[in-house]
C-alpha atoms as a PDB file:
ATOM      1  CA  MET A   1     112.062 122.729  87.745  1.00  0.00           C
ATOM      2  CA  THR A   2     110.941 120.941  84.937  1.00  0.00           C
ATOM      3  CA  MET A   3     107.067 120.443  84.125  1.00  0.00           C
ATOM      4  CA  THR A   4     107.354 117.114  85.045  1.00  0.00           C
ATOM      5  CA  LYS A   5     109.120 117.568  88.337  1.00  0.00           C
ATOM      6  CA  TYR A   6     106.649 120.382  89.663  1.00  0.00           C
ATOM      7  CA  LEU A   7     103.644 117.955  88.969  1.00  0.00           C
ATOM      8  CA  THR A   8     105.151 114.789  90.375  1.00  0.00           C
ATOM      9  CA  PHE A   9     106.195 117.382  93.978  1.00  0.00           C
ATOM     10  CA  ALA A  10     102.501 118.402  93.578  1.00  0.00           C
ATOM     11  CA  THR A  11     100.737 114.983  93.610  1.00  0.00           C
ATOM     12  CA  ILE A  12     102.895 113.999  96.245  1.00  0.00           C
ATOM     13  CA  THR A  13     102.216 117.305  98.237  1.00  0.00           C
ATOM     14  CA  ILE A  14      98.802 116.514  97.897  1.00  0.00           C
ATOM     15  CA  LEU A  15      98.767 112.989  98.867  1.00  0.00           C
ATOM     16  CA  LEU A  16     100.709 113.210 101.575  1.00  0.00           C
ATOM     17  CA  SER A  17      98.325 116.353 103.068  1.00  0.00           C
ATOM     18  CA  SER A  18      95.439 114.468 102.002  1.00  0.00           C
ATOM     19  CA  CYS A  19      96.392 111.367 104.340  1.00  0.00           C
ATOM     20  CA  TYR A  20      96.839 113.611 107.517  1.00  0.00           C
ATOM     21  CA  LEU A  21      93.518 115.501 106.997  1.00  0.00           C
ATOM     22  CA  THR A  22      91.940 112.084 106.681  1.00  0.00           C
ATOM     23  CA  ARG A  23      93.520 110.372 109.287  1.00  0.00           C
ATOM     24  CA  GLU A  24      91.554 108.146 111.977  1.00  0.00           C
ATOM     25  CA  TYR A  25      92.258 107.602 115.533  1.00  0.00           C
ATOM     26  CA  PRO A  26      91.965 103.866 116.807  1.00  0.00           C
ATOM     27  CA  VAL A  27      88.494 103.344 118.285  1.00  0.00           C
ATOM     28  CA  GLU A  28      87.376 100.395 120.595  1.00  0.00           C
ATOM     29  CA  TYR A  29      83.536  99.716 120.877  1.00  0.00           C
ATOM     30  CA  ASP A  30      81.018  98.275 123.065  1.00  0.00           C
ATOM     31  CA  TYR A  31      77.272  97.434 122.388  1.00  0.00           C
ATOM     32  CA  LYS A  32      74.114  95.772 124.030  1.00  0.00           C
ATOM     33  CA  PHE A  33      73.705  92.311 123.039  1.00  0.00           C
ATOM     34  CA  LEU A  34      70.219  92.411 123.385  1.00  0.00           C
ATOM     35  CA  GLY A  35      70.120  96.010 122.428  1.00  0.00           C
ATOM     36  CA  GLU A  36      66.460  96.664 120.810  1.00  0.00           C
ATOM     37  CA  PHE A  37      68.100  99.159 117.803  1.00  0.00           C
ATOM     38  CA  GLU A  38      65.118  98.666 116.087  1.00  0.00           C
ATOM     39  CA  LYS A  39      63.553 101.083 118.478  1.00  0.00           C
ATOM     40  CA  TYR A  40      65.547 103.436 118.425  1.00  0.00           C
ATOM     41  CA  GLU A  41      64.628 106.240 115.557  1.00  0.00           C
ATOM     42  CA  SER A  42      65.359 109.142 117.702  1.00  0.00           C
ATOM     43  CA  PHE A  43      68.063 111.112 119.887  1.00  0.00           C
ATOM     44  CA  SER A  44      69.037 113.999 122.012  1.00  0.00           C
ATOM     45  CA  PHE A  45      71.968 114.938 124.271  1.00  0.00           C
ATOM     46  CA  VAL A  46      72.172 114.775 127.644  1.00  0.00           C
ATOM     47  CA  ASN A  47      72.023 117.578 129.837  1.00  0.00           C
ATOM     48  CA  ALA A  48      75.243 117.308 131.627  1.00  0.00           C
ATOM     49  CA  GLU A  49      77.915 120.307 133.221  1.00  0.00           C
ATOM     50  CA  ASN A  50      80.146 121.242 129.901  1.00  0.00           C
ATOM     51  CA  ILE A  51      83.783 120.314 130.391  1.00  0.00           C
ATOM     52  CA  PHE A  52      84.616 121.670 126.882  1.00  0.00           C
ATOM     53  CA  ASP A  53      84.909 125.525 125.819  1.00  0.00           C
ATOM     54  CA  THR A  54      81.451 126.717 124.191  1.00  0.00           C
ATOM     55  CA  ALA A  55      82.977 126.352 120.491  1.00  0.00           C
ATOM     56  CA  THR A  56      84.406 122.460 121.211  1.00  0.00           C
ATOM     57  CA  ASP A  57      81.270 121.802 122.597  1.00  0.00           C
ATOM     58  CA  GLU A  58      79.056 122.610 119.730  1.00  0.00           C
ATOM     59  CA  LEU A  59      81.552 121.334 117.552  1.00  0.00           C
ATOM     60  CA  ILE A  60      81.023 117.487 118.906  1.00  0.00           C
ATOM     61  CA  LYS A  61      77.041 118.243 118.702  1.00  0.00           C
ATOM     62  CA  SER A  62      77.282 119.565 115.114  1.00  0.00           C
ATOM     63  CA  THR A  63      79.149 116.396 114.319  1.00  0.00           C
ATOM     64  CA  ILE A  64      77.353 114.193 116.583  1.00  0.00           C
ATOM     65  CA  ARG A  65      73.986 115.617 114.933  1.00  0.00           C
ATOM     66  CA  ASN A  66      74.850 115.644 111.544  1.00  0.00           C
ATOM     67  CA  HIS A  67      76.471 112.552 111.308  1.00  0.00           C
ATOM     68  CA  LEU A  68      73.183 110.455 113.275  1.00  0.00           C
ATOM     69  CA  GLU A  69      71.030 112.322 111.025  1.00  0.00           C
ATOM     70  CA  LEU A  70      72.708 111.479 107.739  1.00  0.00           C
ATOM     71  CA  LEU A  71      72.192 107.980 109.117  1.00  0.00           C
ATOM     72  CA  GLY A  72      68.722 108.600 109.581  1.00  0.00           C
ATOM     73  CA  TYR A  73      67.823 109.254 113.017  1.00  0.00           C
ATOM     74  CA  THR A  74      65.719 111.988 114.070  1.00  0.00           C
ATOM     75  CA  TYR A  75      67.045 114.658 116.672  1.00  0.00           C
ATOM     76  CA  GLU A  76      64.072 115.091 118.861  1.00  0.00           C
ATOM     77  CA  PRO A  77      65.428 117.298 121.957  1.00  0.00           C
ATOM     78  CA  ASN A  78      62.218 116.314 123.852  1.00  0.00           C
ATOM     79  CA  SER A  79      60.609 112.816 122.960  1.00  0.00           C
ATOM     80  CA  SER A  80      63.822 110.753 122.052  1.00  0.00           C
ATOM     81  CA  LYS A  81      64.513 107.420 122.248  1.00  0.00           C
ATOM     82  CA  PHE A  82      67.923 107.208 123.235  1.00  0.00           C
ATOM     83  CA  LEU A  83      70.554 109.622 124.891  1.00  0.00           C
ATOM     84  CA  VAL A  84      73.886 110.863 123.516  1.00  0.00           C
ATOM     85  CA  ASN A  85      76.735 111.989 125.761  1.00  0.00           C
ATOM     86  CA  TYR A  86      80.259 112.594 125.372  1.00  0.00           C
ATOM     87  CA  PHE A  87      83.145 112.810 127.959  1.00  0.00           C
ATOM     88  CA  TYR A  88      87.333 112.855 128.069  1.00  0.00           C
ATOM     89  CA  PHE A  89      88.889 111.058 130.469  1.00  0.00           C
ATOM     90  CA  ASN A  90      92.415 113.188 130.810  1.00  0.00           C
ATOM     91  CA  ASP A  91      94.640 110.952 132.599  1.00  0.00           C
ATOM     92  CA  SER A  92      95.713 107.181 132.717  1.00  0.00           C
ATOM     93  CA  LEU A  93      92.962 104.341 133.341  1.00  0.00           C
ATOM     94  CA  ASN A  94      92.305 101.205 132.812  1.00  0.00           C
ATOM     95  CA  TYR A  95      88.977 101.240 130.802  1.00  0.00           C
ATOM     96  CA  LYS A  96      87.338  98.392 131.227  1.00  0.00           C
ATOM     97  CA  GLY A  97      85.066  96.849 127.943  1.00  0.00           C
ATOM     98  CA  TYR A  98      84.240  93.577 126.189  1.00  0.00           C
ATOM     99  CA  LYS A  99      85.528  91.585 123.521  1.00  0.00           C
ATOM    100  CA  GLN A 100      82.740  91.262 121.304  1.00  0.00           C
ATOM    101  CA  PRO A 101      81.651  90.334 117.308  1.00  0.00           C
ATOM    102  CA  GLU A 102      81.260  93.228 115.024  1.00  0.00           C
ATOM    103  CA  MET A 103      78.347  95.026 115.435  1.00  0.00           C
ATOM    104  CA  ALA A 104      76.892  94.739 111.931  1.00  0.00           C
ATOM    105  CA  THR A 105      77.540  90.990 111.837  1.00  0.00           C
ATOM    106  CA  PHE A 106      75.839  89.712 115.410  1.00  0.00           C
ATOM    107  CA  ILE A 107      72.681  92.778 115.032  1.00  0.00           C
ATOM    108  CA  LYS A 108      71.530  91.773 112.363  1.00  0.00           C
ATOM    109  CA  LEU A 109      72.408  88.238 111.811  1.00  0.00           C
ATOM    110  CA  LYS A 110      71.641  86.897 114.926  1.00  0.00           C
ATOM    111  CA  ASN A 111      68.070  86.138 116.418  1.00  0.00           C
ATOM    112  CA  LYS A 112      67.369  86.868 119.602  1.00  0.00           C
ATOM    113  CA  GLU A 113      67.795  83.130 121.019  1.00  0.00           C
ATOM    114  CA  GLU A 114      71.449  83.200 119.791  1.00  0.00           C
ATOM    115  CA  LYS A 115      71.887  86.183 121.082  1.00  0.00           C
ATOM    116  CA  GLN A 116      70.770  85.322 125.061  1.00  0.00           C
ATOM    117  CA  LYS A 117      73.052  82.447 124.848  1.00  0.00           C
ATOM    118  CA  GLU A 118      76.314  84.847 123.735  1.00  0.00           C
ATOM    119  CA  GLU A 119      78.554  86.129 126.644  1.00  0.00           C
ATOM    120  CA  TYR A 120      79.849  89.364 127.414  1.00  0.00           C
ATOM    121  CA  LYS A 121      84.171  88.831 127.892  1.00  0.00           C
ATOM    122  CA  LYS A 122      85.106  91.752 129.789  1.00  0.00           C
ATOM    123  CA  GLN A 123      88.957  93.012 128.431  1.00  0.00           C
ATOM    124  CA  GLU A 124      90.814  95.845 130.127  1.00  0.00           C
ATOM    125  CA  PHE A 125      92.138  98.610 127.934  1.00  0.00           C
ATOM    126  CA  PRO A 126      95.205 100.494 129.821  1.00  0.00           C
ATOM    127  CA  ILE A 127      95.234 103.808 128.516  1.00  0.00           C
ATOM    128  CA  SER A 128      97.901 105.954 129.332  1.00  0.00           C
ATOM    129  CA  ASP A 129      97.055 109.439 127.714  1.00  0.00           C
ATOM    130  CA  GLY A 130      93.553 110.662 127.862  1.00  0.00           C
ATOM    131  CA  THR A 131      90.191 108.761 126.312  1.00  0.00           C
ATOM    132  CA  PHE A 132      87.642 110.629 124.948  1.00  0.00           C
ATOM    133  CA  VAL A 133      84.131 108.494 124.464  1.00  0.00           C
ATOM    134  CA  ILE A 134      80.599 108.815 122.705  1.00  0.00           C
ATOM    135  CA  ASN A 135      77.893 106.482 124.425  1.00  0.00           C
ATOM    136  CA  PHE A 136      74.093 106.484 123.852  1.00  0.00           C
ATOM    137  CA  THR A 137      72.090 105.112 126.312  1.00  0.00           C
ATOM    138  CA  ASP A 138      68.009 104.058 126.189  1.00  0.00           C
ATOM    139  CA  LYS A 139      66.271 106.766 127.442  1.00  0.00           C
ATOM    140  CA  GLU A 140      63.742 104.401 128.903  1.00  0.00           C
ATOM    141  CA  ASP A 141      65.674 102.072 131.161  1.00  0.00           C
ATOM    142  CA  TYR A 142      69.061 104.058 131.059  1.00  0.00           C
ATOM    143  CA  SER A 143      71.060 101.236 129.738  1.00  0.00           C
ATOM    144  CA  MET A 144      74.009 101.759 127.904  1.00  0.00           C
ATOM    145  CA  ILE A 145      73.206 100.318 124.345  1.00  0.00           C
ATOM    146  CA  TRP A 146      76.413 101.584 122.608  1.00  0.00           C
ATOM    147  CA  GLN A 147      79.761 103.221 123.371  1.00  0.00           C
ATOM    148  CA  GLY A 148      82.596 103.985 121.627  1.00  0.00           C
ATOM    149  CA  TYR A 149      85.889 105.607 122.464  1.00  0.00           C
ATOM    150  CA  THR A 150      89.255 106.474 121.137  1.00  0.00           C
ATOM    151  CA  THR A 151      92.684 107.465 122.885  1.00  0.00           C
ATOM    152  CA  ASP A 152      94.884 110.274 122.719  1.00  0.00           C
ATOM    153  CA  LEU A 153      97.690 107.695 121.436  1.00  0.00           C
ATOM    154  CA  TYR A 154      99.724 110.501 119.643  1.00  0.00           C
ATOM    155  CA  LYS A 155      99.369 113.157 122.497  1.00  0.00           C
ATOM    156  CA  ASP A 156      97.698 115.107 119.871  1.00  0.00           C
ATOM    157  CA  ARG A 157      95.687 117.601 122.109  1.00  0.00           C
ATOM    158  CA  ILE A 158      92.544 116.619 120.107  1.00  0.00           C
ATOM    159  CA  PHE A 159      90.638 119.607 120.899  1.00  0.00           C
ATOM    160  CA  GLU A 160      93.100 122.408 121.018  1.00  0.00           C
ATOM    161  CA  ASP A 161      92.386 122.164 116.695  1.00  0.00           C
ATOM    162  CA  PRO A 162      88.809 121.533 115.838  1.00  0.00           C
ATOM    163  CA  ARG A 163      89.961 119.669 112.711  1.00  0.00           C
ATOM    164  CA  LYS A 164      91.236 116.908 115.241  1.00  0.00           C
ATOM    165  CA  THR A 165      88.156 117.117 116.851  1.00  0.00           C
ATOM    166  CA  ARG A 166      86.304 116.319 114.110  1.00  0.00           C
ATOM    167  CA  ILE A 167      88.180 113.562 113.172  1.00  0.00           C
ATOM    168  CA  ALA A 168      88.495 111.940 116.508  1.00  0.00           C
ATOM    169  CA  VAL A 169      84.161 112.229 116.721  1.00  0.00           C
ATOM    170  CA  ILE A 170      83.836 110.808 113.161  1.00  0.00           C
ATOM    171  CA  SER A 171      86.208 108.085 114.167  1.00  0.00           C
ATOM    172  CA  ILE A 172      83.999 106.860 116.354  1.00  0.00           C
ATOM    173  CA  LEU A 173      80.780 107.647 115.089  1.00  0.00           C
ATOM    174  CA  LYS A 174      81.825 105.313 111.818  1.00  0.00           C
ATOM    175  CA  GLU A 175      81.791 102.286 114.259  1.00  0.00           C
ATOM    176  CA  TYR A 176      78.276 102.597 115.384  1.00  0.00           C
ATOM    177  CA  SER A 177      76.528 100.534 111.977  1.00  0.00           C
ATOM    178  CA  TYR A 178      73.887 100.769 112.715  1.00  0.00           C
ATOM    179  CA  LEU A 179      70.410 102.406 110.158  1.00  0.00           C
ATOM    180  CA  PRO A 180      67.333 102.868 112.323  1.00  0.00           C
ATOM    181  CA  GLU A 181      64.293 101.396 110.755  1.00  0.00           C
ATOM    182  CA  ARG A 182      61.642 103.418 108.854  1.00  0.00           C
ATOM    183  CA  LYS A 183      58.140 102.933 108.366  1.00  0.00           C
ATOM    184  CA  ASN A 184      57.142 105.815 106.672  1.00  0.00           C
ATOM    185  CA  TYR A 185      59.466 105.842 103.549  1.00  0.00           C
ATOM    186  CA  LYS A 186      57.721 107.188 100.586  1.00  0.00           C
END
């Protein structure tokens, strides 16, 4: 094999493998129109019965925690402003969500009066192969402030491979676009 053919083959292999490693899952999300996102600076996890094996549960938690801390949120298990919960629906279902404007545009550019006029437009998402959901809940009034979900469309069995699990979690969290407002930047 000549050097040119070898370099061409190596380049194609690297490109194809990088596409596999960075593949994302399709994601939908909903958020609370009147959510006061600026008040959420810290988070903790819901103490719920573990449906995943310990290694998968720890991987999901650490991926979520790392992502939120990278955005500027603080992990505070005892005095957080919002709770993070995640779960997996194994069976098919019609998931009810909402057709909404893009979160980043809506939250940042509309004032409270404009937000109050906005209507929730219900939308059903038929899901046949399972759904992984991450949601954020206001710790004060227990209302959902944001939730993202991806379906196991390709029957990937995402929880059998740690890479696929991380990709699913990151695919969902990429859609949460609100950065906390920090008052004490130095």
